[in-house]
Amino acid sequence: MNKKSASSPKVSGRYFLPVIIVIYLLLFLNNSDVAVEALAASWKILAKLLPILAVVIILLGLFNYFLNPKKLAKHLGRESGFRGWLIAVAGGILSHGPSYIWFPILSDLRSHGTKAGLIATFMYVRAIKLPWIPVMIDYFGWPFTLILSFFIIFAGVVQGLLIDFFDR
């Protein structure tokens, strides 16, 4: 890393709120009715999101308290066996959100001894999205959905085994 990039300040979310406040003030000066309407709509959205955010924060706290990476990595290490593969497949299917959010968590698990193959399997089976299964069934039918899901899981485990083989 060169000196210039080390000393330059990072742009982050700390500028977001002040910029939004300035935009609302400019809008209020230009057209106060529209500004009040926009602010009321923002408050309604915030009121809907706050309970969801509270539940997410509580669940993350409980998850971090009961399932810290060291405890979880113990079940996902070299001797994890079938249980480790089952946890990787189930965790991948149940996980939501963008993949990049999982990278720090998976990196932490990897640093605590989780097998690379289990992480690869977790990432691969994330292709199965539980909320979309009813839609798939509606469009493609039960047989297609079940067969596709089976092959995604099968391919994820095979790729995980291959990665473990080459990661020795």
C-alpha atoms as a PDB file:
ATOM      1  CA  MET A   1       0.000   0.000   0.000  1.00  0.00           C
ATOM      2  CA  ASN A   2       1.427   3.380  -0.931  1.00  0.00           C
ATOM      3  CA  LYS A   3       1.498   6.378   1.374  1.00  0.00           C
ATOM      4  CA  LYS A   4      -1.103   8.329  -0.554  1.00  0.00           C
ATOM      5  CA  SER A   5      -3.824   5.673  -0.219  1.00  0.00           C
ATOM      6  CA  ALA A   6      -2.945   5.083   3.437  1.00  0.00           C
ATOM      7  CA  SER A   7      -3.405   8.748   4.346  1.00  0.00           C
ATOM      8  CA  SER A   8      -6.472   9.483   2.211  1.00  0.00           C
ATOM      9  CA  PRO A   9      -9.737   9.353   4.171  1.00  0.00           C
ATOM     10  CA  LYS A  10     -12.226   6.602   3.389  1.00  0.00           C
ATOM     11  CA  VAL A  11     -15.633   7.579   2.098  1.00  0.00           C
ATOM     12  CA  SER A  12     -18.213   5.860   4.248  1.00  0.00           C
ATOM     13  CA  GLY A  13     -21.786   5.937   5.443  1.00  0.00           C
ATOM     14  CA  ARG A  14     -21.068   8.722   7.899  1.00  0.00           C
ATOM     15  CA  TYR A  15     -21.722  11.229   5.104  1.00  0.00           C
ATOM     16  CA  PHE A  16     -25.053   9.717   4.106  1.00  0.00           C
ATOM     17  CA  LEU A  17     -27.235  11.259   6.831  1.00  0.00           C
ATOM     18  CA  PRO A  18     -25.838  14.812   6.485  1.00  0.00           C
ATOM     19  CA  VAL A  19     -26.280  14.668   2.698  1.00  0.00           C
ATOM     20  CA  ILE A  20     -29.890  13.499   3.069  1.00  0.00           C
ATOM     21  CA  ILE A  21     -30.581  16.289   5.590  1.00  0.00           C
ATOM     22  CA  VAL A  22     -29.161  18.881   3.182  1.00  0.00           C
ATOM     23  CA  ILE A  23     -31.281  17.471   0.338  1.00  0.00           C
ATOM     24  CA  TYR A  24     -34.429  17.660   2.499  1.00  0.00           C
ATOM     25  CA  LEU A  25     -33.581  21.245   3.522  1.00  0.00           C
ATOM     26  CA  LEU A  26     -33.057  22.271  -0.115  1.00  0.00           C
ATOM     27  CA  LEU A  27     -36.296  20.551  -1.074  1.00  0.00           C
ATOM     28  CA  PHE A  28     -38.104  22.263   1.806  1.00  0.00           C
ATOM     29  CA  LEU A  29     -36.823  25.673   0.687  1.00  0.00           C
ATOM     30  CA  ASN A  30     -37.878  24.962  -2.899  1.00  0.00           C
ATOM     31  CA  ASN A  31     -41.222  23.242  -2.283  1.00  0.00           C
ATOM     32  CA  SER A  32     -42.224  22.721   1.350  1.00  0.00           C
ATOM     33  CA  ASP A  33     -45.345  20.635   0.576  1.00  0.00           C
ATOM     34  CA  VAL A  34     -43.354  18.048  -1.341  1.00  0.00           C
ATOM     35  CA  ALA A  35     -40.663  18.001   1.356  1.00  0.00           C
ATOM     36  CA  VAL A  36     -43.198  17.352   4.121  1.00  0.00           C
ATOM     37  CA  GLU A  37     -44.855  14.647   2.005  1.00  0.00           C
ATOM     38  CA  ALA A  38     -41.492  12.974   1.326  1.00  0.00           C
ATOM     39  CA  LEU A  39     -40.524  13.159   4.991  1.00  0.00           C
ATOM     40  CA  ALA A  40     -43.851  11.611   6.044  1.00  0.00           C
ATOM     41  CA  ALA A  41     -43.335   8.766   3.561  1.00  0.00           C
ATOM     42  CA  SER A  42     -39.807   8.224   4.916  1.00  0.00           C
ATOM     43  CA  TRP A  43     -41.116   8.022   8.480  1.00  0.00           C
ATOM     44  CA  LYS A  44     -43.738   5.453   7.427  1.00  0.00           C
ATOM     45  CA  ILE A  45     -41.042   3.290   5.827  1.00  0.00           C
ATOM     46  CA  LEU A  46     -38.825   3.646   8.899  1.00  0.00           C
ATOM     47  CA  ALA A  47     -41.726   2.652  11.166  1.00  0.00           C
ATOM     48  CA  LYS A  48     -42.231  -0.519   9.100  1.00  0.00           C
ATOM     49  CA  LEU A  49     -38.506  -1.358   9.113  1.00  0.00           C
ATOM     50  CA  LEU A  50     -37.756  -0.773  12.802  1.00  0.00           C
ATOM     51  CA  PRO A  51     -39.455  -3.953  14.089  1.00  0.00           C
ATOM     52  CA  ILE A  52     -37.710  -6.014  11.418  1.00  0.00           C
ATOM     53  CA  LEU A  53     -34.351  -4.452  12.256  1.00  0.00           C
ATOM     54  CA  ALA A  54     -34.939  -5.100  15.956  1.00  0.00           C
ATOM     55  CA  VAL A  55     -35.666  -8.779  15.304  1.00  0.00           C
ATOM     56  CA  VAL A  56     -32.584  -9.094  13.083  1.00  0.00           C
ATOM     57  CA  ILE A  57     -30.352  -7.474  15.717  1.00  0.00           C
ATOM     58  CA  ILE A  58     -31.750  -9.721  18.456  1.00  0.00           C
ATOM     59  CA  LEU A  59     -31.319 -12.854  16.299  1.00  0.00           C
ATOM     60  CA  LEU A  60     -27.748 -11.886  15.399  1.00  0.00           C
ATOM     61  CA  GLY A  61     -26.967 -11.311  19.066  1.00  0.00           C
ATOM     62  CA  LEU A  62     -28.418 -14.697  20.018  1.00  0.00           C
ATOM     63  CA  PHE A  63     -26.593 -16.359  17.129  1.00  0.00           C
ATOM     64  CA  ASN A  64     -23.274 -14.809  18.187  1.00  0.00           C
ATOM     65  CA  TYR A  65     -23.865 -15.730  21.835  1.00  0.00           C
ATOM     66  CA  PHE A  66     -24.840 -19.369  21.308  1.00  0.00           C
ATOM     67  CA  LEU A  67     -22.968 -20.221  18.102  1.00  0.00           C
ATOM     68  CA  ASN A  68     -19.616 -18.556  18.116  1.00  0.00           C
ATOM     69  CA  PRO A  69     -17.202 -19.536  15.332  1.00  0.00           C
ATOM     70  CA  LYS A  70     -15.023 -21.683  17.622  1.00  0.00           C
ATOM     71  CA  LYS A  71     -17.987 -23.828  18.691  1.00  0.00           C
ATOM     72  CA  LEU A  72     -19.329 -24.112  15.161  1.00  0.00           C
ATOM     73  CA  ALA A  73     -15.890 -24.815  13.665  1.00  0.00           C
ATOM     74  CA  LYS A  74     -15.551 -27.742  16.076  1.00  0.00           C
ATOM     75  CA  HIS A  75     -18.462 -29.392  14.226  1.00  0.00           C
ATOM     76  CA  LEU A  76     -17.045 -28.427  10.819  1.00  0.00           C
ATOM     77  CA  GLY A  77     -13.397 -29.434  11.202  1.00  0.00           C
ATOM     78  CA  ARG A  78     -11.357 -32.252   9.646  1.00  0.00           C
ATOM     79  CA  GLU A  79     -13.208 -34.944  11.596  1.00  0.00           C
ATOM     80  CA  SER A  80     -16.705 -33.492  11.113  1.00  0.00           C
ATOM     81  CA  GLY A  81     -17.965 -36.359   8.970  1.00  0.00           C
ATOM     82  CA  PHE A  82     -21.561 -36.557   7.796  1.00  0.00           C
ATOM     83  CA  ARG A  83     -22.733 -34.006  10.372  1.00  0.00           C
ATOM     84  CA  GLY A  84     -20.447 -31.343   8.879  1.00  0.00           C
ATOM     85  CA  TRP A  85     -21.784 -31.932   5.374  1.00  0.00           C
ATOM     86  CA  LEU A  86     -25.351 -31.834   6.674  1.00  0.00           C
ATOM     87  CA  ILE A  87     -24.690 -28.530   8.482  1.00  0.00           C
ATOM     88  CA  ALA A  88     -23.063 -27.049   5.347  1.00  0.00           C
ATOM     89  CA  VAL A  89     -25.968 -28.082   3.097  1.00  0.00           C
ATOM     90  CA  ALA A  90     -28.687 -26.992   5.540  1.00  0.00           C
ATOM     91  CA  GLY A  91     -26.888 -23.731   6.314  1.00  0.00           C
ATOM     92  CA  GLY A  92     -26.449 -22.944   2.622  1.00  0.00           C
ATOM     93  CA  ILE A  93     -30.097 -23.581   1.853  1.00  0.00           C
ATOM     94  CA  LEU A  94     -31.318 -21.565   4.850  1.00  0.00           C
ATOM     95  CA  SER A  95     -28.936 -18.641   4.336  1.00  0.00           C
ATOM     96  CA  HIS A  96     -30.225 -15.482   2.718  1.00  0.00           C
ATOM     97  CA  GLY A  97     -28.863 -12.204   1.507  1.00  0.00           C
ATOM     98  CA  PRO A  98     -25.980 -11.418  -0.784  1.00  0.00           C
ATOM     99  CA  SER A  99     -23.023 -13.797  -0.791  1.00  0.00           C
ATOM    100  CA  TYR A 100     -20.463 -11.134   0.068  1.00  0.00           C
ATOM    101  CA  ILE A 101     -22.100 -10.716   3.487  1.00  0.00           C
ATOM    102  CA  TRP A 102     -21.166 -14.312   4.280  1.00  0.00           C
ATOM    103  CA  PHE A 103     -17.491 -13.951   3.287  1.00  0.00           C
ATOM    104  CA  PRO A 104     -16.263 -12.506   6.630  1.00  0.00           C
ATOM    105  CA  ILE A 105     -18.248 -15.099   8.605  1.00  0.00           C
ATOM    106  CA  LEU A 106     -16.960 -17.969   6.471  1.00  0.00           C
ATOM    107  CA  SER A 107     -13.420 -16.592   6.637  1.00  0.00           C
ATOM    108  CA  ASP A 108     -13.665 -16.546  10.427  1.00  0.00           C
ATOM    109  CA  LEU A 109     -14.940 -20.137  10.431  1.00  0.00           C
ATOM    110  CA  ARG A 110     -12.098 -21.124   8.081  1.00  0.00           C
ATOM    111  CA  SER A 111      -9.528 -19.548  10.411  1.00  0.00           C
ATOM    112  CA  HIS A 112     -10.977 -21.659  13.248  1.00  0.00           C
ATOM    113  CA  GLY A 113     -10.494 -24.904  11.314  1.00  0.00           C
ATOM    114  CA  THR A 114     -13.552 -25.359   9.108  1.00  0.00           C
ATOM    115  CA  LYS A 115     -12.825 -27.490   6.050  1.00  0.00           C
ATOM    116  CA  ALA A 116     -12.633 -25.626   2.745  1.00  0.00           C
ATOM    117  CA  GLY A 117     -14.926 -28.194   1.146  1.00  0.00           C
ATOM    118  CA  LEU A 118     -17.705 -27.452   3.623  1.00  0.00           C
ATOM    119  CA  ILE A 119     -17.442 -23.737   2.882  1.00  0.00           C
ATOM    120  CA  ALA A 120     -17.578 -24.452  -0.862  1.00  0.00           C
ATOM    121  CA  THR A 121     -20.630 -26.671  -0.368  1.00  0.00           C
ATOM    122  CA  PHE A 122     -22.314 -23.975   1.726  1.00  0.00           C
ATOM    123  CA  MET A 123     -21.715 -21.393  -1.015  1.00  0.00           C
ATOM    124  CA  TYR A 124     -22.833 -23.733  -3.809  1.00  0.00           C
ATOM    125  CA  VAL A 125     -26.137 -24.824  -2.267  1.00  0.00           C
ATOM    126  CA  ARG A 126     -27.078 -21.207  -1.623  1.00  0.00           C
ATOM    127  CA  ALA A 127     -28.497 -21.468  -5.155  1.00  0.00           C
ATOM    128  CA  ILE A 128     -31.539 -23.128  -3.563  1.00  0.00           C
ATOM    129  CA  LYS A 129     -33.732 -20.304  -2.302  1.00  0.00           C
ATOM    130  CA  LEU A 130     -36.547 -21.472  -0.035  1.00  0.00           C
ATOM    131  CA  PRO A 131     -38.847 -18.505  -0.727  1.00  0.00           C
ATOM    132  CA  TRP A 132     -38.660 -19.235  -4.467  1.00  0.00           C
ATOM    133  CA  ILE A 133     -39.477 -22.955  -4.269  1.00  0.00           C
ATOM    134  CA  PRO A 134     -43.271 -22.404  -4.432  1.00  0.00           C
ATOM    135  CA  VAL A 135     -42.754 -20.195  -7.497  1.00  0.00           C
ATOM    136  CA  MET A 136     -40.571 -22.872  -9.129  1.00  0.00           C
ATOM    137  CA  ILE A 137     -43.191 -25.514  -8.377  1.00  0.00           C
ATOM    138  CA  ASP A 138     -45.868 -23.310  -9.907  1.00  0.00           C
ATOM    139  CA  TYR A 139     -43.859 -22.688 -13.091  1.00  0.00           C
ATOM    140  CA  PHE A 140     -42.029 -25.994 -13.505  1.00  0.00           C
ATOM    141  CA  GLY A 141     -43.835 -28.542 -11.301  1.00  0.00           C
ATOM    142  CA  TRP A 142     -42.764 -30.758  -8.393  1.00  0.00           C
ATOM    143  CA  PRO A 143     -40.585 -33.221 -10.332  1.00  0.00           C
ATOM    144  CA  PHE A 144     -38.405 -30.522 -11.906  1.00  0.00           C
ATOM    145  CA  THR A 145     -38.029 -28.624  -8.615  1.00  0.00           C
ATOM    146  CA  LEU A 146     -37.112 -31.746  -6.633  1.00  0.00           C
ATOM    147  CA  ILE A 147     -34.679 -33.054  -9.245  1.00  0.00           C
ATOM    148  CA  LEU A 148     -32.999 -29.672  -9.670  1.00  0.00           C
ATOM    149  CA  SER A 149     -32.692 -29.214  -5.903  1.00  0.00           C
ATOM    150  CA  PHE A 150     -31.264 -32.722  -5.524  1.00  0.00           C
ATOM    151  CA  PHE A 151     -28.645 -32.120  -8.213  1.00  0.00           C
ATOM    152  CA  ILE A 152     -27.678 -28.736  -6.753  1.00  0.00           C
ATOM    153  CA  ILE A 153     -27.102 -30.406  -3.365  1.00  0.00           C
ATOM    154  CA  PHE A 154     -25.304 -33.354  -4.967  1.00  0.00           C
ATOM    155  CA  ALA A 155     -23.049 -31.099  -7.069  1.00  0.00           C
ATOM    156  CA  GLY A 156     -22.324 -28.901  -4.036  1.00  0.00           C
ATOM    157  CA  VAL A 157     -21.184 -31.892  -1.992  1.00  0.00           C
ATOM    158  CA  VAL A 158     -19.113 -33.286  -4.887  1.00  0.00           C
ATOM    159  CA  GLN A 159     -17.405 -29.921  -5.369  1.00  0.00           C
ATOM    160  CA  GLY A 160     -16.780 -29.706  -1.627  1.00  0.00           C
ATOM    161  CA  LEU A 161     -15.209 -33.172  -1.642  1.00  0.00           C
ATOM    162  CA  LEU A 162     -13.030 -32.221  -4.607  1.00  0.00           C
ATOM    163  CA  ILE A 163     -11.890 -29.033  -2.888  1.00  0.00           C
ATOM    164  CA  ASP A 164     -11.067 -31.014   0.269  1.00  0.00           C
ATOM    165  CA  PHE A 165      -9.103 -33.498  -1.851  1.00  0.00           C
ATOM    166  CA  PHE A 166      -7.000 -30.740  -3.442  1.00  0.00           C
ATOM    167  CA  ASP A 167      -6.718 -28.720  -0.203  1.00  0.00           C
ATOM    168  CA  ARG A 168      -4.646 -31.368   1.601  1.00  0.00           C
END
